[in-house]
PDB file of N, CA and C in Angstrom:
ATOM      1  N   MET A   1       8.645   6.438  -4.678  1.00  0.00           N
ATOM      2  CA  MET A   1       7.403   6.782  -4.042  1.00  0.00           C
ATOM      3  C   MET A   1       6.809   5.512  -3.445  1.00  0.00           C
ATOM      4  N   LEU A   2       6.323   5.622  -2.236  1.00  0.00           N
ATOM      5  CA  LEU A   2       5.631   4.506  -1.592  1.00  0.00           C
ATOM      6  C   LEU A   2       4.143   4.686  -1.851  1.00  0.00           C
ATOM      7  N   ALA A   3       3.502   3.663  -2.388  1.00  0.00           N
ATOM      8  CA  ALA A   3       2.102   3.770  -2.781  1.00  0.00           C
ATOM      9  C   ALA A   3       1.310   2.571  -2.291  1.00  0.00           C
ATOM     10  N   GLN A   4       0.016   2.799  -2.082  1.00  0.00           N
ATOM     11  CA  GLN A   4      -0.886   1.680  -1.823  1.00  0.00           C
ATOM     12  C   GLN A   4      -0.751   0.719  -2.998  1.00  0.00           C
ATOM     13  N   LYS A   5      -0.588  -0.546  -2.746  1.00  0.00           N
ATOM     14  CA  LYS A   5      -0.398  -1.513  -3.816  1.00  0.00           C
ATOM     15  C   LYS A   5      -1.649  -1.580  -4.692  1.00  0.00           C
ATOM     16  N   PRO A   6      -1.487  -1.251  -5.967  1.00  0.00           N
ATOM     17  CA  PRO A   6      -2.638  -1.382  -6.866  1.00  0.00           C
ATOM     18  C   PRO A   6      -3.128  -2.832  -6.874  1.00  0.00           C
ATOM     19  N   GLY A   7      -4.430  -2.994  -6.793  1.00  0.00           N
ATOM     20  CA  GLY A   7      -4.991  -4.337  -6.783  1.00  0.00           C
ATOM     21  C   GLY A   7      -4.934  -5.012  -5.423  1.00  0.00           C
ATOM     22  N   TYR A   8      -4.631  -4.245  -4.365  1.00  0.00           N
ATOM     23  CA  TYR A   8      -4.582  -4.833  -3.019  1.00  0.00           C
ATOM     24  C   TYR A   8      -5.906  -5.525  -2.713  1.00  0.00           C
ATOM     25  N   ARG A   9      -5.817  -6.726  -2.192  1.00  0.00           N
ATOM     26  CA  ARG A   9      -7.017  -7.499  -1.851  1.00  0.00           C
ATOM     27  C   ARG A   9      -7.325  -7.293  -0.378  1.00  0.00           C
ATOM     28  N   PHE A  10      -8.560  -6.944  -0.107  1.00  0.00           N
ATOM     29  CA  PHE A  10      -8.959  -6.651   1.260  1.00  0.00           C
ATOM     30  C   PHE A  10      -9.431  -7.877   2.025  1.00  0.00           C
ATOM     31  N   ASP A  11      -9.476  -9.038   1.377  1.00  0.00           N
ATOM     32  CA  ASP A  11      -9.968 -10.250   2.034  1.00  0.00           C
ATOM     33  C   ASP A  11      -8.834 -11.072   2.648  1.00  0.00           C
ATOM     34  N   CYS A  12      -7.788 -10.388   3.073  1.00  0.00           N
ATOM     35  CA  CYS A  12      -6.635 -11.071   3.666  1.00  0.00           C
ATOM     36  C   CYS A  12      -6.616 -10.810   5.176  1.00  0.00           C
ATOM     37  N   PRO A  13      -5.672 -11.419   5.891  1.00  0.00           N
ATOM     38  CA  PRO A  13      -5.599 -11.196   7.337  1.00  0.00           C
ATOM     39  C   PRO A  13      -5.477  -9.709   7.680  1.00  0.00           C
ATOM     40  N   SER A  14      -5.976  -9.354   8.837  1.00  0.00           N
ATOM     41  CA  SER A  14      -5.942  -7.975   9.323  1.00  0.00           C
ATOM     42  C   SER A  14      -4.506  -7.463   9.428  1.00  0.00           C
ATOM     43  N   LEU A  15      -4.346  -6.168   9.174  1.00  0.00           N
ATOM     44  CA  LEU A  15      -3.035  -5.527   9.304  1.00  0.00           C
ATOM     45  C   LEU A  15      -2.916  -4.776  10.630  1.00  0.00           C
ATOM     46  N   ASP A  16      -3.882  -4.970  11.522  1.00  0.00           N
ATOM     47  CA  ASP A  16      -3.898  -4.243  12.787  1.00  0.00           C
ATOM     48  C   ASP A  16      -2.594  -4.388  13.570  1.00  0.00           C
ATOM     49  N   LYS A  17      -2.011  -5.561  13.564  1.00  0.00           N
ATOM     50  CA  LYS A  17      -0.794  -5.758  14.360  1.00  0.00           C
ATOM     51  C   LYS A  17       0.392  -4.946  13.825  1.00  0.00           C
ATOM     52  N   TYR A  18       0.262  -4.412  12.602  1.00  0.00           N
ATOM     53  CA  TYR A  18       1.300  -3.566  12.022  1.00  0.00           C
ATOM     54  C   TYR A  18       1.000  -2.082  12.228  1.00  0.00           C
ATOM     55  N   GLY A  19      -0.117  -1.792  12.888  1.00  0.00           N
ATOM     56  CA  GLY A  19      -0.433  -0.422  13.239  1.00  0.00           C
ATOM     57  C   GLY A  19      -1.360   0.310  12.296  1.00  0.00           C
ATOM     58  N   PHE A  20      -1.931  -0.402  11.338  1.00  0.00           N
ATOM     59  CA  PHE A  20      -2.880   0.262  10.447  1.00  0.00           C
ATOM     60  C   PHE A  20      -3.891  -0.727   9.905  1.00  0.00           C
ATOM     61  N   ARG A  21      -4.939  -0.150   9.323  1.00  0.00           N
ATOM     62  CA  ARG A  21      -6.022  -0.959   8.769  1.00  0.00           C
ATOM     63  C   ARG A  21      -6.438  -0.347   7.436  1.00  0.00           C
ATOM     64  N   CYS A  22      -6.677  -1.183   6.449  1.00  0.00           N
ATOM     65  CA  CYS A  22      -7.170  -0.749   5.136  1.00  0.00           C
ATOM     66  C   CYS A  22      -8.512  -1.427   4.901  1.00  0.00           C
ATOM     67  N   GLU A  23      -9.533  -0.609   4.592  1.00  0.00           N
ATOM     68  CA  GLU A  23     -10.876  -1.151   4.383  1.00  0.00           C
ATOM     69  C   GLU A  23     -11.483  -0.539   3.127  1.00  0.00           C
ATOM     70  N   PRO A  24     -12.110  -1.339   2.308  1.00  0.00           N
ATOM     71  CA  PRO A  24     -12.785  -0.776   1.136  1.00  0.00           C
ATOM     72  C   PRO A  24     -14.035  -0.013   1.573  1.00  0.00           C
ATOM     73  N   THR A  25     -14.371   1.054   0.841  1.00  0.00           N
ATOM     74  CA  THR A  25     -15.600   1.797   1.140  1.00  0.00           C
ATOM     75  C   THR A  25     -16.747   1.278   0.287  1.00  0.00           C
ATOM     76  N   GLY A  26     -16.433   0.486  -0.736  1.00  0.00           N
ATOM     77  CA  GLY A  26     -17.450   0.001  -1.651  1.00  0.00           C
ATOM     78  C   GLY A  26     -17.678   0.935  -2.825  1.00  0.00           C
ATOM     79  N   GLU A  27     -16.978   2.066  -2.829  1.00  0.00           N
ATOM     80  CA  GLU A  27     -17.101   3.027  -3.920  1.00  0.00           C
ATOM     81  C   GLU A  27     -15.988   2.804  -4.933  1.00  0.00           C
ATOM     82  N   GLU A  28     -16.281   3.097  -6.171  1.00  0.00           N
ATOM     83  CA  GLU A  28     -15.284   2.988  -7.253  1.00  0.00           C
ATOM     84  C   GLU A  28     -15.252   4.343  -7.962  1.00  0.00           C
ATOM     85  N   THR A  29     -14.058   4.846  -8.235  1.00  0.00           N
ATOM     86  CA  THR A  29     -13.910   6.089  -8.978  1.00  0.00           C
ATOM     87  C   THR A  29     -13.346   5.772 -10.355  1.00  0.00           C
ATOM     88  N   GLU A  30     -13.177   6.780 -11.138  1.00  0.00           N
ATOM     89  CA  GLU A  30     -12.626   6.617 -12.484  1.00  0.00           C
ATOM     90  C   GLU A  30     -11.215   6.033 -12.450  1.00  0.00           C
ATOM     91  N   THR A  31     -10.462   6.344 -11.393  1.00  0.00           N
ATOM     92  CA  THR A  31      -9.077   5.892 -11.320  1.00  0.00           C
ATOM     93  C   THR A  31      -8.850   4.659 -10.466  1.00  0.00           C
ATOM     94  N   GLY A  32      -9.830   4.298  -9.623  1.00  0.00           N
ATOM     95  CA  GLY A  32      -9.659   3.117  -8.787  1.00  0.00           C
ATOM     96  C   GLY A  32     -10.605   3.118  -7.606  1.00  0.00           C
ATOM     97  N   PRO A  33     -10.497   2.101  -6.752  1.00  0.00           N
ATOM     98  CA  PRO A  33     -11.406   1.972  -5.613  1.00  0.00           C
ATOM     99  C   PRO A  33     -11.104   2.979  -4.502  1.00  0.00           C
ATOM    100  N   ARG A  34     -12.143   3.356  -3.764  1.00  0.00           N
ATOM    101  CA  ARG A  34     -11.976   4.205  -2.587  1.00  0.00           C
ATOM    102  C   ARG A  34     -11.762   3.286  -1.396  1.00  0.00           C
ATOM    103  N   GLU A  35     -10.958   3.765  -0.472  1.00  0.00           N
ATOM    104  CA  GLU A  35     -10.683   2.973   0.727  1.00  0.00           C
ATOM    105  C   GLU A  35     -10.446   3.880   1.912  1.00  0.00           C
ATOM    106  N   ARG A  36     -10.644   3.313   3.083  1.00  0.00           N
ATOM    107  CA  ARG A  36     -10.366   4.018   4.330  1.00  0.00           C
ATOM    108  C   ARG A  36      -9.094   3.412   4.902  1.00  0.00           C
ATOM    109  N   VAL A  37      -8.120   4.269   5.163  1.00  0.00           N
ATOM    110  CA  VAL A  37      -6.865   3.841   5.777  1.00  0.00           C
ATOM    111  C   VAL A  37      -6.833   4.458   7.168  1.00  0.00           C
ATOM    112  N   THR A  38      -6.633   3.613   8.171  1.00  0.00           N
ATOM    113  CA  THR A  38      -6.632   4.068   9.557  1.00  0.00           C
ATOM    114  C   THR A  38      -5.284   3.757  10.191  1.00  0.00           C
ATOM    115  N   ALA A  39      -4.648   4.804  10.734  1.00  0.00           N
ATOM    116  CA  ALA A  39      -3.441   4.631  11.545  1.00  0.00           C
ATOM    117  C   ALA A  39      -3.924   4.383  12.969  1.00  0.00           C
ATOM    118  N   LEU A  40      -3.582   3.245  13.522  1.00  0.00           N
ATOM    119  CA  LEU A  40      -4.077   2.840  14.842  1.00  0.00           C
ATOM    120  C   LEU A  40      -3.212   3.457  15.944  1.00  0.00           C
ATOM    121  N   LEU A  41      -3.357   4.772  16.094  1.00  0.00           N
ATOM    122  CA  LEU A  41      -2.555   5.540  17.044  1.00  0.00           C
ATOM    123  C   LEU A  41      -3.229   5.591  18.407  1.00  0.00           C
ATOM    124  N   ASP A  42      -2.417   5.760  19.438  1.00  0.00           N
ATOM    125  CA  ASP A  42      -2.922   5.883  20.789  1.00  0.00           C
ATOM    126  C   ASP A  42      -2.739   7.342  21.205  1.00  0.00           C
ATOM    127  N   PRO A  43      -3.719   8.027  21.667  1.00  0.00           N
ATOM    128  CA  PRO A  43      -4.956   7.522  22.235  1.00  0.00           C
ATOM    129  C   PRO A  43      -6.110   7.423  21.239  1.00  0.00           C
ATOM    130  N   GLN A  44      -5.937   7.965  20.025  1.00  0.00           N
ATOM    131  CA  GLN A  44      -7.063   7.950  19.095  1.00  0.00           C
ATOM    132  C   GLN A  44      -6.580   7.640  17.681  1.00  0.00           C
ATOM    133  N   PRO A  45      -7.212   6.679  17.017  1.00  0.00           N
ATOM    134  CA  PRO A  45      -6.860   6.379  15.624  1.00  0.00           C
ATOM    135  C   PRO A  45      -7.179   7.566  14.705  1.00  0.00           C
ATOM    136  N   ILE A  46      -6.473   7.624  13.592  1.00  0.00           N
ATOM    137  CA  ILE A  46      -6.709   8.651  12.574  1.00  0.00           C
ATOM    138  C   ILE A  46      -7.020   7.938  11.270  1.00  0.00           C
ATOM    139  N   SER A  47      -8.143   8.308  10.640  1.00  0.00           N
ATOM    140  CA  SER A  47      -8.556   7.681   9.379  1.00  0.00           C
ATOM    141  C   SER A  47      -8.603   8.721   8.266  1.00  0.00           C
ATOM    142  N   ILE A  48      -8.254   8.273   7.068  1.00  0.00           N
ATOM    143  CA  ILE A  48      -8.448   9.079   5.875  1.00  0.00           C
ATOM    144  C   ILE A  48      -9.139   8.198   4.841  1.00  0.00           C
ATOM    145  N   VAL A  49      -9.916   8.814   3.986  1.00  0.00           N
ATOM    146  CA  VAL A  49     -10.517   8.101   2.868  1.00  0.00           C
ATOM    147  C   VAL A  49      -9.789   8.579   1.628  1.00  0.00           C
ATOM    148  N   THR A  50      -9.343   7.640   0.833  1.00  0.00           N
ATOM    149  CA  THR A  50      -8.531   7.955  -0.331  1.00  0.00           C
ATOM    150  C   THR A  50      -8.912   7.050  -1.492  1.00  0.00           C
ATOM    151  N   THR A  51      -8.402   7.387  -2.647  1.00  0.00           N
ATOM    152  CA  THR A  51      -8.564   6.527  -3.814  1.00  0.00           C
ATOM    153  C   THR A  51      -7.251   5.803  -4.045  1.00  0.00           C
ATOM    154  N   ALA A  52      -7.314   4.518  -4.287  1.00  0.00           N
ATOM    155  CA  ALA A  52      -6.126   3.719  -4.592  1.00  0.00           C
ATOM    156  C   ALA A  52      -6.078   3.530  -6.109  1.00  0.00           C
ATOM    157  N   PRO A  53      -5.309   4.374  -6.811  1.00  0.00           N
ATOM    158  CA  PRO A  53      -5.280   4.271  -8.276  1.00  0.00           C
ATOM    159  C   PRO A  53      -4.819   2.893  -8.751  1.00  0.00           C
ATOM    160  N   ARG A  54      -5.395   2.467  -9.859  1.00  0.00           N
ATOM    161  CA  ARG A  54      -4.966   1.226 -10.495  1.00  0.00           C
ATOM    162  C   ARG A  54      -3.556   1.418 -11.054  1.00  0.00           C
ATOM    163  N   ARG A  55      -2.822   0.336 -11.205  1.00  0.00           N
ATOM    164  CA  ARG A  55      -1.443   0.357 -11.686  1.00  0.00           C
ATOM    165  C   ARG A  55      -1.322   1.124 -13.010  1.00  0.00           C
ATOM    166  N   GLU A  56      -2.244   0.870 -13.946  1.00  0.00           N
ATOM    167  CA  GLU A  56      -2.146   1.528 -15.253  1.00  0.00           C
ATOM    168  C   GLU A  56      -2.372   3.025 -15.145  1.00  0.00           C
ATOM    169  N   VAL A  57      -3.124   3.487 -14.143  1.00  0.00           N
ATOM    170  CA  VAL A  57      -3.331   4.930 -13.947  1.00  0.00           C
ATOM    171  C   VAL A  57      -2.018   5.583 -13.544  1.00  0.00           C
ATOM    172  N   TYR A  58      -1.329   5.004 -12.570  1.00  0.00           N
ATOM    173  CA  TYR A  58      -0.005   5.517 -12.186  1.00  0.00           C
ATOM    174  C   TYR A  58       0.914   5.579 -13.407  1.00  0.00           C
ATOM    175  N   GLU A  59       1.019   4.465 -14.115  1.00  0.00           N
ATOM    176  CA  GLU A  59       1.965   4.362 -15.216  1.00  0.00           C
ATOM    177  C   GLU A  59       1.626   5.309 -16.362  1.00  0.00           C
ATOM    178  N   GLU A  60       0.347   5.426 -16.718  1.00  0.00           N
ATOM    179  CA  GLU A  60      -0.051   6.334 -17.804  1.00  0.00           C
ATOM    180  C   GLU A  60       0.225   7.786 -17.427  1.00  0.00           C
ATOM    181  N   CYS A  61      -0.056   8.160 -16.192  1.00  0.00           N
ATOM    182  CA  CYS A  61       0.195   9.536 -15.752  1.00  0.00           C
ATOM    183  C   CYS A  61       1.690   9.852 -15.741  1.00  0.00           C
ATOM    184  N   LEU A  62       2.486   8.925 -15.284  1.00  0.00           N
ATOM    185  CA  LEU A  62       3.938   9.160 -15.265  1.00  0.00           C
ATOM    186  C   LEU A  62       4.494   9.288 -16.673  1.00  0.00           C
ATOM    187  N   ARG A  63       4.080   8.418 -17.562  1.00  0.00           N
ATOM    188  CA  ARG A  63       4.563   8.506 -18.947  1.00  0.00           C
ATOM    189  C   ARG A  63       4.097   9.796 -19.624  1.00  0.00           C
ATOM    190  N   ALA A  64       2.899  10.249 -19.317  1.00  0.00           N
ATOM    191  CA  ALA A  64       2.366  11.480 -19.902  1.00  0.00           C
ATOM    192  C   ALA A  64       3.141  12.711 -19.432  1.00  0.00           C
ATOM    193  N   THR A  65       3.848  12.592 -18.315  1.00  0.00           N
ATOM    194  CA  THR A  65       4.633  13.712 -17.797  1.00  0.00           C
ATOM    195  C   THR A  65       6.131  13.470 -17.943  1.00  0.00           C
ATOM    196  N   ALA A  66       6.506  12.676 -18.946  1.00  0.00           N
ATOM    197  CA  ALA A  66       7.898  12.446 -19.353  1.00  0.00           C
ATOM    198  C   ALA A  66       8.697  11.537 -18.419  1.00  0.00           C
ATOM    199  N   PHE A  67       8.024  10.804 -17.550  1.00  0.00           N
ATOM    200  CA  PHE A  67       8.739   9.811 -16.762  1.00  0.00           C
ATOM    201  C   PHE A  67       8.710   8.491 -17.525  1.00  0.00           C
ATOM    202  N   GLY A  68       9.790   7.776 -17.451  1.00  0.00           N
ATOM    203  CA  GLY A  68       9.867   6.478 -18.102  1.00  0.00           C
ATOM    204  C   GLY A  68      10.463   5.472 -17.141  1.00  0.00           C
ATOM    205  N   GLU A  69      10.729   4.299 -17.639  1.00  0.00           N
ATOM    206  CA  GLU A  69      11.335   3.241 -16.833  1.00  0.00           C
ATOM    207  C   GLU A  69      10.595   3.062 -15.509  1.00  0.00           C
ATOM    208  N   VAL A  70       9.295   2.917 -15.578  1.00  0.00           N
ATOM    209  CA  VAL A  70       8.484   2.726 -14.375  1.00  0.00           C
ATOM    210  C   VAL A  70       8.731   1.319 -13.838  1.00  0.00           C
ATOM    211  N   GLU A  71       9.064   1.238 -12.566  1.00  0.00           N
ATOM    212  CA  GLU A  71       9.364  -0.057 -11.947  1.00  0.00           C
ATOM    213  C   GLU A  71       8.650  -0.159 -10.601  1.00  0.00           C
ATOM    214  N   TRP A  72       7.932  -1.242 -10.412  1.00  0.00           N
ATOM    215  CA  TRP A  72       7.262  -1.515  -9.142  1.00  0.00           C
ATOM    216  C   TRP A  72       8.163  -2.419  -8.319  1.00  0.00           C
ATOM    217  N   ILE A  73       8.451  -2.026  -7.090  1.00  0.00           N
ATOM    218  CA  ILE A  73       9.379  -2.753  -6.227  1.00  0.00           C
ATOM    219  C   ILE A  73       8.604  -3.321  -5.036  1.00  0.00           C
ATOM    220  N   PRO A  74       8.641  -4.633  -4.838  1.00  0.00           N
ATOM    221  CA  PRO A  74       7.892  -5.255  -3.743  1.00  0.00           C
ATOM    222  C   PRO A  74       8.348  -4.753  -2.371  1.00  0.00           C
ATOM    223  N   LEU A  75       7.426  -4.771  -1.449  1.00  0.00           N
ATOM    224  CA  LEU A  75       7.701  -4.395  -0.070  1.00  0.00           C
ATOM    225  C   LEU A  75       8.726  -5.360   0.521  1.00  0.00           C
ATOM    226  N   GLN A  76       9.682  -4.812   1.257  1.00  0.00           N
ATOM    227  CA  GLN A  76      10.679  -5.629   1.935  1.00  0.00           C
ATOM    228  C   GLN A  76      10.758  -5.210   3.397  1.00  0.00           C
ATOM    229  N   ILE A  77      11.106  -6.133   4.240  1.00  0.00           N
ATOM    230  CA  ILE A  77      11.273  -5.853   5.663  1.00  0.00           C
ATOM    231  C   ILE A  77      12.758  -5.697   5.937  1.00  0.00           C
ATOM    232  N   SER A  78      13.109  -4.657   6.658  1.00  0.00           N
ATOM    233  CA  SER A  78      14.518  -4.408   6.969  1.00  0.00           C
ATOM    234  C   SER A  78      15.058  -5.498   7.898  1.00  0.00           C
ATOM    235  N   GLU A  79      16.362  -5.642   7.887  1.00  0.00           N
ATOM    236  CA  GLU A  79      16.993  -6.602   8.797  1.00  0.00           C
ATOM    237  C   GLU A  79      16.719  -6.230  10.246  1.00  0.00           C
ATOM    238  N   ALA A  80      16.694  -4.926  10.533  1.00  0.00           N
ATOM    239  CA  ALA A  80      16.412  -4.476  11.903  1.00  0.00           C
ATOM    240  C   ALA A  80      14.997  -4.881  12.319  1.00  0.00           C
ATOM    241  N   GLY A  81      14.031  -4.775  11.409  1.00  0.00           N
ATOM    242  CA  GLY A  81      12.663  -5.179  11.704  1.00  0.00           C
ATOM    243  C   GLY A  81      12.556  -6.667  11.969  1.00  0.00           C
ATOM    244  N   ILE A  82      13.283  -7.451  11.186  1.00  0.00           N
ATOM    245  CA  ILE A  82      13.277  -8.908  11.385  1.00  0.00           C
ATOM    246  C   ILE A  82      13.938  -9.262  12.708  1.00  0.00           C
ATOM    247  N   ARG A  83      15.056  -8.595  13.033  1.00  0.00           N
ATOM    248  CA  ARG A  83      15.731  -8.857  14.314  1.00  0.00           C
ATOM    249  C   ARG A  83      14.814  -8.512  15.496  1.00  0.00           C
ATOM    250  N   GLN A  84      14.107  -7.384  15.378  1.00  0.00           N
ATOM    251  CA  GLN A  84      13.285  -6.931  16.499  1.00  0.00           C
ATOM    252  C   GLN A  84      12.031  -7.767  16.695  1.00  0.00           C
ATOM    253  N   PHE A  85      11.362  -8.144  15.614  1.00  0.00           N
ATOM    254  CA  PHE A  85      10.073  -8.817  15.730  1.00  0.00           C
ATOM    255  C   PHE A  85      10.077 -10.270  15.270  1.00  0.00           C
ATOM    256  N   GLY A  86      11.089 -10.690  14.516  1.00  0.00           N
ATOM    257  CA  GLY A  86      11.148 -12.050  13.996  1.00  0.00           C
ATOM    258  C   GLY A  86      10.436 -12.170  12.652  1.00  0.00           C
ATOM    259  N   GLU A  87      10.824 -13.163  11.870  1.00  0.00           N
ATOM    260  CA  GLU A  87      10.249 -13.359  10.533  1.00  0.00           C
ATOM    261  C   GLU A  87       8.761 -13.702  10.577  1.00  0.00           C
ATOM    262  N   ASP A  88       8.346 -14.511  11.546  1.00  0.00           N
ATOM    263  CA  ASP A  88       6.938 -14.925  11.626  1.00  0.00           C
ATOM    264  C   ASP A  88       5.995 -13.737  11.779  1.00  0.00           C
ATOM    265  N   PHE A  89       6.431 -12.718  12.511  1.00  0.00           N
ATOM    266  CA  PHE A  89       5.595 -11.533  12.714  1.00  0.00           C
ATOM    267  C   PHE A  89       5.208 -10.891  11.389  1.00  0.00           C
ATOM    268  N   TRP A  90       6.104 -10.892  10.430  1.00  0.00           N
ATOM    269  CA  TRP A  90       5.907 -10.192   9.155  1.00  0.00           C
ATOM    270  C   TRP A  90       5.233 -11.056   8.087  1.00  0.00           C
ATOM    271  N   ALA A  91       4.922 -12.299   8.382  1.00  0.00           N
ATOM    272  CA  ALA A  91       4.412 -13.230   7.368  1.00  0.00           C
ATOM    273  C   ALA A  91       3.142 -12.729   6.675  1.00  0.00           C
ATOM    274  N   ASP A  92       2.163 -12.237   7.432  1.00  0.00           N
ATOM    275  CA  ASP A  92       0.917 -11.755   6.814  1.00  0.00           C
ATOM    276  C   ASP A  92       1.169 -10.546   5.928  1.00  0.00           C
ATOM    277  N   LEU A  93       2.010  -9.644   6.376  1.00  0.00           N
ATOM    278  CA  LEU A  93       2.318  -8.439   5.609  1.00  0.00           C
ATOM    279  C   LEU A  93       3.000  -8.782   4.288  1.00  0.00           C
ATOM    280  N   LEU A  94       3.929  -9.716   4.321  1.00  0.00           N
ATOM    281  CA  LEU A  94       4.637 -10.103   3.098  1.00  0.00           C
ATOM    282  C   LEU A  94       3.774 -10.953   2.168  1.00  0.00           C
ATOM    283  N   ALA A  95       2.864 -11.727   2.740  1.00  0.00           N
ATOM    284  CA  ALA A  95       1.977 -12.549   1.915  1.00  0.00           C
ATOM    285  C   ALA A  95       0.932 -11.693   1.203  1.00  0.00           C
ATOM    286  N   HIS A  96       0.543 -10.573   1.800  1.00  0.00           N
ATOM    287  CA  HIS A  96      -0.488  -9.682   1.248  1.00  0.00           C
ATOM    288  C   HIS A  96      -0.033  -8.235   1.424  1.00  0.00           C
ATOM    289  N   PRO A  97       1.037  -7.831   0.756  1.00  0.00           N
ATOM    290  CA  PRO A  97       1.586  -6.490   0.990  1.00  0.00           C
ATOM    291  C   PRO A  97       0.629  -5.386   0.549  1.00  0.00           C
ATOM    292  N   PRO A  98       0.380  -4.432   1.451  1.00  0.00           N
ATOM    293  CA  PRO A  98      -0.512  -3.336   1.114  1.00  0.00           C
ATOM    294  C   PRO A  98       0.181  -2.187   0.382  1.00  0.00           C
ATOM    295  N   LEU A  99       1.488  -2.209   0.356  1.00  0.00           N
ATOM    296  CA  LEU A  99       2.266  -1.116  -0.223  1.00  0.00           C
ATOM    297  C   LEU A  99       3.285  -1.644  -1.223  1.00  0.00           C
ATOM    298  N   GLU A 100       3.651  -0.782  -2.162  1.00  0.00           N
ATOM    299  CA  GLU A 100       4.745  -1.069  -3.095  1.00  0.00           C
ATOM    300  C   GLU A 100       5.502   0.233  -3.342  1.00  0.00           C
ATOM    301  N   MET A 101       6.764   0.102  -3.638  1.00  0.00           N
ATOM    302  CA  MET A 101       7.559   1.266  -4.039  1.00  0.00           C
ATOM    303  C   MET A 101       7.428   1.418  -5.544  1.00  0.00           C
ATOM    304  N   LEU A 102       7.368   2.642  -5.996  1.00  0.00           N
ATOM    305  CA  LEU A 102       7.288   2.948  -7.412  1.00  0.00           C
ATOM    306  C   LEU A 102       8.494   3.799  -7.753  1.00  0.00           C
ATOM    307  N   ARG A 103       9.315   3.299  -8.647  1.00  0.00           N
ATOM    308  CA  ARG A 103      10.509   4.030  -9.065  1.00  0.00           C
ATOM    309  C   ARG A 103      10.386   4.355 -10.553  1.00  0.00           C
ATOM    310  N   CYS A 104      10.737   5.581 -10.893  1.00  0.00           N
ATOM    311  CA  CYS A 104      10.713   5.970 -12.303  1.00  0.00           C
ATOM    312  C   CYS A 104      11.773   7.047 -12.524  1.00  0.00           C
ATOM    313  N   ARG A 105      12.104   7.250 -13.783  1.00  0.00           N
ATOM    314  CA  ARG A 105      13.144   8.228 -14.143  1.00  0.00           C
ATOM    315  C   ARG A 105      12.646   9.104 -15.281  1.00  0.00           C
ATOM    316  N   THR A 106      13.208  10.287 -15.328  1.00  0.00           N
ATOM    317  CA  THR A 106      12.861  11.191 -16.422  1.00  0.00           C
ATOM    318  C   THR A 106      13.806  10.971 -17.584  1.00  0.00           C
TER     319      THR A 106
END
Protein backbone atom coordinates (compact mmCIF):
# COMPACT_ATOMS: atom_id res chain seq x y z
CA MET A 1 0.00 0.00 0.00
CA LEU A 2 1.26 3.47 -0.84
CA ALA A 3 0.55 5.86 2.03
CA GLN A 4 1.21 9.44 3.03
CA LYS A 5 4.41 9.20 5.05
CA PRO A 6 3.52 9.32 8.73
CA GLY A 7 5.26 12.27 10.32
CA TYR A 8 5.72 14.07 6.99
CA ARG A 9 7.12 17.54 7.64
CA PHE A 10 5.43 20.33 5.77
CA ASP A 11 8.27 22.83 6.23
CA CYS A 12 10.30 21.40 3.36
CA PRO A 13 10.68 22.53 -0.27
CA SER A 14 7.52 22.64 -2.37
CA LEU A 15 6.46 19.48 -4.19
CA ASP A 16 4.79 21.47 -6.98
CA LYS A 17 7.36 20.43 -9.57
CA TYR A 18 6.30 16.80 -8.97
CA GLY A 19 2.68 17.61 -9.72
CA PHE A 20 1.18 17.82 -6.26
CA ARG A 21 1.10 19.84 -3.08
CA CYS A 22 0.60 18.78 0.55
CA GLU A 23 -0.50 21.41 3.07
CA PRO A 24 -1.48 21.08 6.71
CA THR A 25 -4.97 22.32 7.62
CA GLY A 26 -3.96 22.97 11.22
CA GLU A 27 -6.49 20.42 12.47
CA GLU A 28 -5.57 17.31 14.44
CA THR A 29 -7.78 14.22 14.71
CA GLU A 30 -7.59 11.23 16.99
CA THR A 31 -5.54 9.34 14.40
CA GLY A 32 -3.35 12.12 13.00
CA PRO A 33 -3.15 15.53 11.33
CA ARG A 34 -5.55 16.71 8.63
CA GLU A 35 -4.04 17.86 5.38
CA ARG A 36 -5.02 19.09 1.96
CA VAL A 37 -3.50 17.19 -0.95
CA THR A 38 -3.78 18.87 -4.34
CA ALA A 39 -3.08 17.22 -7.70
CA LEU A 40 -1.84 20.07 -9.89
CA LEU A 41 -3.79 19.03 -12.99
CA ASP A 42 -4.41 21.12 -16.08
CA PRO A 43 -6.79 22.84 -16.62
CA GLN A 44 -7.90 22.69 -12.98
CA PRO A 45 -6.24 21.33 -9.83
CA ILE A 46 -8.12 18.80 -7.69
CA SER A 47 -7.85 18.95 -3.89
CA ILE A 48 -8.93 16.54 -1.19
CA VAL A 49 -8.75 16.96 2.56
CA THR A 50 -7.67 13.82 4.36
CA THR A 51 -6.24 12.58 7.61
CA ALA A 52 -2.65 11.32 7.58
CA PRO A 53 -2.66 8.57 10.23
CA ARG A 54 0.35 8.30 12.51
CA ARG A 55 2.62 5.27 11.97
CA GLU A 56 1.41 3.55 15.16
CA VAL A 57 -2.23 3.89 14.02
CA TYR A 58 -1.50 2.01 10.79
CA GLU A 59 0.49 -0.65 12.63
CA GLU A 60 -2.02 -1.15 15.48
CA CYS A 61 -4.93 -1.46 13.04
CA LEU A 62 -3.10 -3.97 10.88
CA ARG A 63 -2.09 -6.11 13.84
CA ALA A 64 -5.66 -5.99 15.20
CA THR A 65 -6.87 -7.48 11.91
CA ALA A 66 -4.32 -10.35 11.87
CA PHE A 67 -1.69 -8.70 9.71
CA GLY A 68 1.87 -9.04 10.89
CA GLU A 69 5.37 -8.33 9.66
CA VAL A 70 4.58 -4.67 9.03
CA GLU A 71 7.38 -3.08 7.01
CA TRP A 72 7.74 0.53 5.89
CA ILE A 73 9.60 0.84 2.58
CA PRO A 74 11.18 4.19 1.62
CA LEU A 75 10.16 5.92 -1.59
CA GLN A 76 12.41 5.09 -4.53
CA ILE A 77 12.70 6.64 -7.97
CA SER A 78 12.63 4.27 -10.92
CA GLU A 79 15.56 4.10 -13.31
CA ALA A 80 13.25 5.36 -16.05
CA GLY A 81 12.39 8.42 -13.94
CA ILE A 82 16.05 9.15 -13.31
CA ARG A 83 16.88 8.74 -17.02
CA GLN A 84 14.03 11.06 -18.04
CA PHE A 85 14.49 13.84 -15.49
CA GLY A 86 17.95 13.30 -13.96
CA GLU A 87 18.93 12.69 -10.33
CA ASP A 88 18.98 16.39 -9.38
CA PHE A 89 15.29 16.75 -10.25
CA TRP A 90 14.34 14.18 -7.59
CA ALA A 91 16.59 15.54 -4.80
CA ASP A 92 13.85 17.42 -2.89
CA LEU A 93 11.44 14.50 -3.12
CA LEU A 94 14.00 12.02 -1.81
CA ALA A 95 15.21 14.36 0.93
CA HIS A 96 11.62 14.88 2.20
CA PRO A 97 9.56 11.97 0.85
CA PRO A 98 5.82 12.50 1.21
CA LEU A 99 4.98 8.84 0.61
CA GLU A 100 6.06 5.43 1.86
CA MET A 101 5.10 1.90 0.89
CA LEU A 102 3.60 -0.24 3.61
CA ARG A 103 3.98 -3.98 3.27
CA CYS A 104 2.43 -6.52 5.61
CA ARG A 105 1.43 -10.18 5.60
CA THR A 106 -1.30 -12.22 7.17
